[in-house]
Protein backbone atom coordinates (compact mmCIF):
# COMPACT_ATOMS: atom_id res chain seq x y z
CA MET A 1 86.64 84.75 139.23
CA ASN A 2 90.57 85.39 138.75
CA ASN A 3 92.49 84.48 141.95
CA THR A 4 95.97 86.05 142.44
CA THR A 5 98.56 84.29 144.92
CA THR A 6 99.92 87.60 145.79
CA THR A 7 100.29 87.74 149.80
CA ILE A 8 98.14 90.73 151.48
CA PRO A 9 99.69 91.89 155.00
CA GLY A 10 96.84 91.13 157.61
CA VAL A 11 94.83 89.24 155.16
CA PRO A 12 93.63 85.18 156.35
CA LYS A 13 95.43 82.96 153.75
CA THR A 14 94.21 79.81 152.51
CA THR A 15 95.51 76.98 150.44
CA ALA A 16 94.49 76.56 147.37
CA SER A 17 95.53 74.73 143.90
CA PRO A 18 95.77 71.21 145.26
CA ASN A 19 96.81 69.97 141.78
CA ASN A 20 100.48 71.25 141.98
CA GLY A 21 100.95 69.89 145.40
CA THR A 22 102.35 73.32 146.50
CA ASP A 23 100.78 75.76 149.20
CA THR A 24 99.60 78.92 147.27
CA THR A 25 97.88 81.78 148.63
CA THR A 26 94.61 82.57 147.15
CA ILE A 27 93.31 86.24 147.74
CA TYR A 28 89.91 86.79 147.48
CA PRO A 29 87.87 90.25 146.46
CA GLU A 30 86.40 90.64 149.77
CA GLN A 31 89.82 90.67 150.80
CA GLN A 32 91.04 93.18 149.23
CA ALA A 33 88.29 95.26 149.28
CA ALA A 34 88.71 95.11 153.10
CA MET A 35 92.71 95.68 152.45
CA ILE A 36 91.61 98.77 150.46
CA LEU A 37 89.03 100.19 152.95
CA TRP A 38 91.72 99.87 156.28
CA LYS A 39 94.50 101.32 154.14
CA PHE A 40 92.97 104.62 152.78
CA TYR A 41 89.61 105.06 154.59
CA THR A 42 91.44 105.20 157.99
CA PRO A 43 94.08 107.39 157.81
CA GLY A 44 91.13 110.06 156.66
CA LEU A 45 89.34 109.19 160.00
CA LEU A 46 92.03 109.57 162.21
CA LEU A 47 92.70 112.60 160.94
CA LEU A 48 88.88 113.95 160.95
CA GLY A 49 88.44 112.21 164.08
CA GLY A 50 91.40 114.37 165.93
CA PHE A 51 91.09 117.24 164.20
CA GLY A 52 87.32 117.06 165.54
CA ASN A 53 87.45 116.06 168.64
CA LEU A 54 89.80 118.38 169.88
CA THR A 55 88.59 121.24 168.40
CA THR A 56 85.31 120.32 170.36
CA ILE A 57 87.04 120.34 173.51
CA LEU A 58 88.38 123.69 173.02
CA VAL A 59 85.52 125.24 171.59
CA MET A 60 83.01 123.61 174.76
CA ARG A 61 85.50 125.03 177.35
CA ARG A 62 84.57 128.71 175.44
CA PHE A 63 81.29 127.66 177.15
CA LYS A 64 80.17 130.15 179.92
CA ASP A 65 76.07 129.55 180.07
CA ARG A 66 75.22 127.95 183.71
CA ASN A 67 72.44 126.60 182.40
CA SER A 68 73.63 124.50 179.68
CA PHE A 69 77.45 123.22 181.56
CA SER A 70 76.37 119.86 182.46
CA GLN A 71 75.74 119.34 178.78
CA HIS A 72 79.10 120.72 177.44
CA MET A 73 80.97 118.85 180.37
CA PHE A 74 79.49 115.43 179.02
CA LEU A 75 79.94 116.60 175.47
CA MET A 76 83.87 117.47 176.41
CA ALA A 77 84.13 114.20 178.11
CA LEU A 78 82.11 112.60 174.92
CA ALA A 79 85.40 114.00 172.56
CA VAL A 80 88.24 112.94 175.06
CA SER A 81 86.36 109.48 174.73
CA ASP A 82 85.96 109.47 171.27
CA LEU A 83 89.44 110.54 170.58
CA LEU A 84 90.97 108.13 172.89
CA ALA A 85 88.81 105.05 171.02
CA LEU A 86 90.20 106.40 167.44
CA TYR A 87 93.84 106.32 168.49
CA ILE A 88 93.83 103.48 170.40
CA GLY A 89 91.26 101.10 168.79
CA THR A 90 91.39 102.66 165.26
CA LEU A 91 95.57 102.93 165.05
CA ARG A 92 95.97 99.86 166.28
CA ASP A 93 93.43 97.98 163.60
CA TRP A 94 95.31 100.35 161.05
CA LEU A 95 98.54 99.23 161.48
CA PHE A 96 98.05 95.14 162.03
CA ASN A 97 95.48 94.61 158.87
CA ALA A 98 97.07 97.26 156.26
CA PHE A 99 101.02 97.09 157.17
CA ASN A 100 101.20 93.66 159.13
CA VAL A 101 102.17 95.54 162.11
CA GLN A 102 102.88 92.56 165.09
CA LEU A 103 102.52 93.90 168.18
CA SER A 104 103.19 92.55 171.89
CA PRO A 105 100.13 90.36 173.49
CA THR A 106 100.63 93.10 176.45
CA VAL A 107 99.98 95.97 173.96
CA CYS A 108 97.12 94.01 172.40
CA LYS A 109 95.52 92.81 174.99
CA ILE A 110 95.74 96.84 176.91
CA GLY A 111 94.93 98.03 173.50
CA LEU A 112 91.69 95.90 172.94
CA TRP A 113 90.40 96.42 176.66
CA LEU A 114 90.41 100.26 176.42
CA THR A 115 89.35 100.30 172.83
CA TYR A 116 86.21 98.24 174.64
CA VAL A 117 86.21 100.27 177.68
CA MET A 118 86.10 103.83 175.61
CA GLY A 119 83.25 102.24 173.70
CA THR A 120 80.93 101.44 176.42
CA VAL A 121 81.91 105.03 177.88
CA SER A 122 81.03 106.85 174.91
CA ALA A 123 77.70 105.22 174.49
CA TRP A 124 76.45 105.76 178.21
CA LEU A 125 78.26 109.31 178.26
CA LEU A 126 75.23 110.12 175.02
CA VAL A 127 72.87 108.55 176.86
CA CYS A 128 73.58 111.34 180.01
CA VAL A 129 73.78 113.90 177.13
CA THR A 130 70.27 112.81 176.19
CA VAL A 131 68.68 112.44 179.25
CA GLN A 132 69.98 116.25 180.78
CA ARG A 133 68.29 117.14 177.67
CA MET A 134 64.79 115.61 178.22
CA VAL A 135 65.32 116.94 181.82
CA ALA A 136 65.92 120.53 180.93
CA VAL A 137 62.80 119.71 178.50
CA LYS A 138 60.44 118.27 180.62
CA TRP A 139 61.51 119.93 183.62
CA PRO A 140 63.26 122.69 182.81
CA HIS A 141 62.92 125.03 186.43
CA LYS A 142 64.88 121.38 188.05
CA VAL A 143 67.69 121.25 185.45
CA ARG A 144 70.17 123.02 187.38
CA ILE A 145 69.22 121.05 190.49
CA VAL A 146 69.16 117.68 188.69
CA CYS A 147 72.57 118.29 186.56
CA SER A 148 74.77 120.40 188.92
CA LEU A 149 78.41 120.44 188.72
CA ARG A 150 78.92 118.15 191.19
CA ARG A 151 76.74 115.92 189.79
CA THR A 152 77.88 116.08 186.49
CA TRP A 153 81.17 115.18 187.63
CA MET A 154 80.15 111.74 189.60
CA ILE A 155 78.25 110.61 186.93
CA ILE A 156 81.29 110.89 184.40
CA THR A 157 83.45 109.19 186.97
CA ALA A 158 80.57 106.67 187.98
CA VAL A 159 80.47 105.67 184.08
CA VAL A 160 84.06 105.31 183.16
CA PHE A 161 84.95 103.09 186.37
CA SER A 162 81.61 100.97 185.02
CA ALA A 163 83.18 100.78 181.93
CA CYS A 164 86.12 99.74 182.98
CA ALA A 165 84.96 97.17 185.39
CA THR A 166 82.26 95.07 182.84
CA GLN A 167 85.17 94.98 180.21
CA PHE A 168 87.82 94.01 182.94
CA PRO A 169 87.01 90.01 182.10
CA LEU A 170 88.20 90.95 178.15
CA VAL A 171 91.77 91.27 179.66
CA LEU A 172 91.80 87.72 181.14
CA HIS A 173 90.22 85.88 178.09
CA ALA A 174 92.53 87.72 175.70
CA GLY A 175 95.47 86.23 177.46
CA ILE A 176 94.33 83.05 176.54
CA VAL A 177 93.83 83.55 172.78
CA TYR A 178 96.92 86.11 171.89
CA SER A 179 100.49 84.71 171.59
CA SER A 180 102.87 86.87 169.47
CA TYR A 181 100.47 88.41 167.02
CA CYS A 182 97.68 90.98 167.12
CA ASP A 183 94.50 89.45 165.70
CA ARG A 184 91.14 90.31 166.44
CA ALA A 185 88.82 87.99 164.12
CA GLN A 186 90.29 85.19 165.71
CA LEU A 187 89.79 86.72 169.07
CA ARG A 188 86.40 86.83 168.38
CA THR A 189 86.26 83.43 167.13
CA SER A 190 87.95 81.90 170.08
CA PHE A 191 87.02 84.06 172.52
CA ILE A 192 83.46 85.82 172.01
CA SER A 193 81.28 82.88 173.18
CA VAL A 194 77.42 83.63 173.07
CA VAL A 195 76.82 84.74 177.00
CA ARG A 196 79.95 87.01 176.30
CA GLY A 197 78.76 88.04 172.57
CA TRP A 198 75.17 89.31 174.22
CA LEU A 199 77.15 90.91 177.59
CA ASP A 200 78.64 93.28 175.12
CA ILE A 201 75.94 94.33 172.77
CA SER A 202 73.78 94.69 175.55
CA ILE A 203 75.95 97.11 177.93
CA SER A 204 77.57 99.43 174.91
CA SER A 205 74.47 98.72 172.09
CA ILE A 206 71.07 97.88 173.03
CA ILE A 207 70.53 99.36 176.72
CA PRO A 208 71.71 102.38 175.66
CA SER A 209 70.16 102.64 171.84
CA LEU A 210 66.77 102.03 173.81
CA CYS A 211 67.21 104.49 176.74
CA LEU A 212 68.27 107.33 173.57
CA VAL A 213 65.48 106.07 171.64
CA VAL A 214 62.64 105.95 174.74
CA CYS A 215 64.30 109.80 175.24
CA ASP A 216 64.23 110.66 171.69
CA VAL A 217 60.78 110.05 171.18
CA ILE A 218 59.98 112.35 173.86
CA LEU A 219 62.12 115.35 172.52
CA SER A 220 60.62 115.02 169.45
CA PHE A 221 57.09 114.87 170.77
CA THR A 222 58.05 118.14 172.65
CA LEU A 223 60.19 119.70 169.88
CA ILE A 224 56.87 119.45 167.42
CA LYS A 225 54.69 120.74 169.56
CA ALA A 226 56.99 123.64 169.97
CA SER A 227 56.80 124.38 166.64
CA ALA A 228 53.30 124.09 166.24
CA SER A 229 52.83 126.26 168.78
CA ALA A 230 55.68 128.95 167.88
CA THR A 231 53.28 131.83 168.15
CA ASP A 232 51.75 131.00 171.75
CA SER A 233 52.89 131.44 175.13
CA SER A 234 52.31 127.89 175.86
CA SER A 235 54.03 125.58 178.54
CA THR A 236 55.49 123.44 176.25
CA LEU A 237 57.30 126.92 174.87
CA ASN A 238 58.25 127.53 178.55
CA ALA A 239 59.69 123.96 178.91
CA ILE A 240 62.07 124.47 175.42
CA SER A 241 63.67 127.78 176.06
CA ASN A 242 64.27 127.35 179.71
CA THR A 243 63.23 130.26 180.57
CA PRO A 244 60.35 132.22 181.97
CA GLY A 245 60.53 135.20 179.06
CA HIS A 246 60.73 132.46 176.18
CA SER A 247 61.73 134.92 173.40
CA ASP A 248 61.71 133.43 170.04
CA SER A 249 65.54 133.47 169.46
CA ARG A 250 65.96 131.32 172.57
CA ARG A 251 63.40 129.00 171.76
CA LYS A 252 64.98 128.60 168.46
CA GLN A 253 68.47 128.10 169.92
CA ALA A 254 66.59 125.79 171.93
CA SER A 255 64.81 123.73 169.26
CA LYS A 256 68.82 123.37 167.48
CA THR A 257 70.26 122.12 170.72
CA THR A 258 67.36 119.57 170.85
CA VAL A 259 67.92 118.51 166.96
CA MET A 260 71.40 118.24 167.96
CA VAL A 261 70.91 115.94 170.20
CA LEU A 262 68.65 113.67 168.50
CA ALA A 263 71.19 114.07 165.50
CA LEU A 264 73.75 112.41 167.89
CA SER A 265 71.73 109.90 169.31
CA CYS A 266 70.52 108.65 165.64
CA THR A 267 74.49 108.39 164.14
CA PHE A 268 75.18 106.19 167.20
CA ILE A 269 72.63 104.08 166.79
CA VAL A 270 72.82 103.79 163.08
CA LEU A 271 77.15 103.61 163.27
CA THR A 272 77.62 101.37 166.00
CA LEU A 273 74.64 98.37 165.96
CA PRO A 274 75.70 96.76 162.85
CA THR A 275 79.46 95.70 164.63
CA PHE A 276 77.90 94.43 167.80
CA LEU A 277 75.14 92.18 165.74
CA TYR A 278 77.99 91.47 163.45
CA MET A 279 80.16 90.05 167.21
CA VAL A 280 76.87 87.88 168.04
CA LEU A 281 76.48 86.50 164.75
CA VAL A 282 80.79 85.07 164.76
CA SER A 283 80.24 83.86 167.90
CA TYR A 284 77.41 81.63 166.65
CA PHE A 285 78.99 80.76 163.47
CA GLY A 286 82.66 81.25 163.85
CA ASP A 287 83.55 77.57 163.20
CA GLN A 288 81.24 77.93 159.70
CA LEU A 289 83.44 80.73 158.87
CA THR A 290 87.21 79.63 159.73
CA ASN A 291 86.60 76.13 157.70
CA ASP A 292 85.27 78.09 154.74
CA PRO A 293 87.91 80.23 152.61
CA ARG A 294 85.47 82.12 151.24
CA LEU A 295 82.82 82.91 153.55
CA SER A 296 85.96 83.77 155.77
CA ALA A 297 86.70 86.52 153.15
CA ILE A 298 83.30 87.82 153.50
CA SER A 299 83.10 87.65 156.89
CA GLU A 300 86.63 89.96 156.73
CA LEU A 301 85.18 92.68 154.71
CA VAL A 302 81.99 92.75 156.91
CA SER A 303 84.24 92.82 159.86
CA ALA A 304 86.42 96.01 158.07
CA VAL A 305 82.98 97.84 157.35
CA THR A 306 81.34 97.06 160.55
CA SER A 307 84.70 98.27 162.26
CA LEU A 308 85.33 101.63 160.25
CA LEU A 309 81.51 102.60 160.99
CA PHE A 310 82.08 102.00 164.50
CA TYR A 311 85.07 103.94 164.39
CA THR A 312 83.24 106.53 161.88
CA ASN A 313 80.94 107.53 164.89
CA SER A 314 83.81 108.55 167.46
CA ALA A 315 85.13 110.87 164.28
CA ILE A 316 82.18 112.89 163.13
CA ASN A 317 80.80 114.42 166.33
CA PHE A 318 82.53 117.55 165.44
CA LEU A 319 80.75 117.58 161.73
CA LEU A 320 77.25 117.22 163.71
CA TYR A 321 77.60 119.71 166.16
CA CYS A 322 78.87 122.21 163.13
CA PHE A 323 75.88 121.37 161.12
CA THR A 324 72.91 121.02 163.78
CA GLY A 325 74.14 123.47 166.56
CA THR A 326 74.01 126.93 165.60
CA LYS A 327 75.88 127.90 168.93
CA PHE A 328 78.91 125.73 168.35
CA ARG A 329 79.35 126.85 164.80
CA LYS A 330 79.38 130.47 165.82
CA GLU A 331 81.73 130.08 168.67
CA PHE A 332 84.34 127.87 166.03
CA PHE A 333 84.40 130.56 163.60
CA SER A 334 84.79 133.22 166.56
CA MET A 335 87.80 130.71 168.25
CA VAL A 336 89.22 130.06 164.39
CA CYS A 337 89.11 134.28 163.97
CA CYS A 338 90.61 135.03 167.09
CA SER A 339 93.38 132.46 166.21
CA VAL A 340 93.90 133.87 162.45
CA ARG A 341 94.26 137.47 164.34
CA ASN A 342 96.47 136.60 166.75
CA HIS A 343 99.04 135.04 164.57
CA HIS A 344 99.27 137.88 162.29
CA THR A 345 99.40 140.43 165.10
């Protein structure tokens, strides 16, 4: 392996070449790969996430169906949360890791806290969307009572305040670590203890994922049964369509909505779980990673990959809506066509 002696912003430096008695900087290939990911992948993620989440909010505002109002409110709140997570967390990490932009300790602490808060909020809002869909499938006649406008706002407010409260200790502990730089890698090795690591992974990943898995199993079972008895006027069809008339078009639309919710849940689990697993591993093996330059370089690459996967989850929901939601896709194209016509007139 040929090591270079150039300095890469945001990359931890290790001392090498003890023979000549001078301090040189060894940059490992894993660090270079991490640098490339931060520098070139992140801008596309910010553009996609910004456009997608803003468009999602605009499209969801156009829906007037009272039967799906609760779901649209949750999805709008999820888009706002994802947008904030991207332009607070991703932007901060991009500036530091790719360009070594130094932020003040206060900005670092607040930015880190908001990133964790938005991650927790997004996870539990997705749980709310999935539970709401499960209620609509299993108890269609009660969905408007259980998921009323007032209850929806109360749930969203409770999720936000709970996330802020549970993540508030992060600000206090971050104040001990941050001095004049904003290095989240050092925060992980210094701050994330075993207890804190498991607390984060439980609140923001394990518990929401378990809830999503249970709801997904119920939704998948119902969807399979409905597909198998598509020509029968069964109670399963009635539950899927949410109307006594269970017309074929309504049934298909409801099934696609269920598929969309399933896609959101599976994407969340796949993209976010590696980040929290990595955080727990660092809490156990942080000292070894710090003392071994090569392991530290590998850890940095793993950190970049898992962090960017986590942020990707906040950027691609719009694509999932377009691919799996026929109603969303039609409303999006209708909005674009109206904007084009108004522009030309």
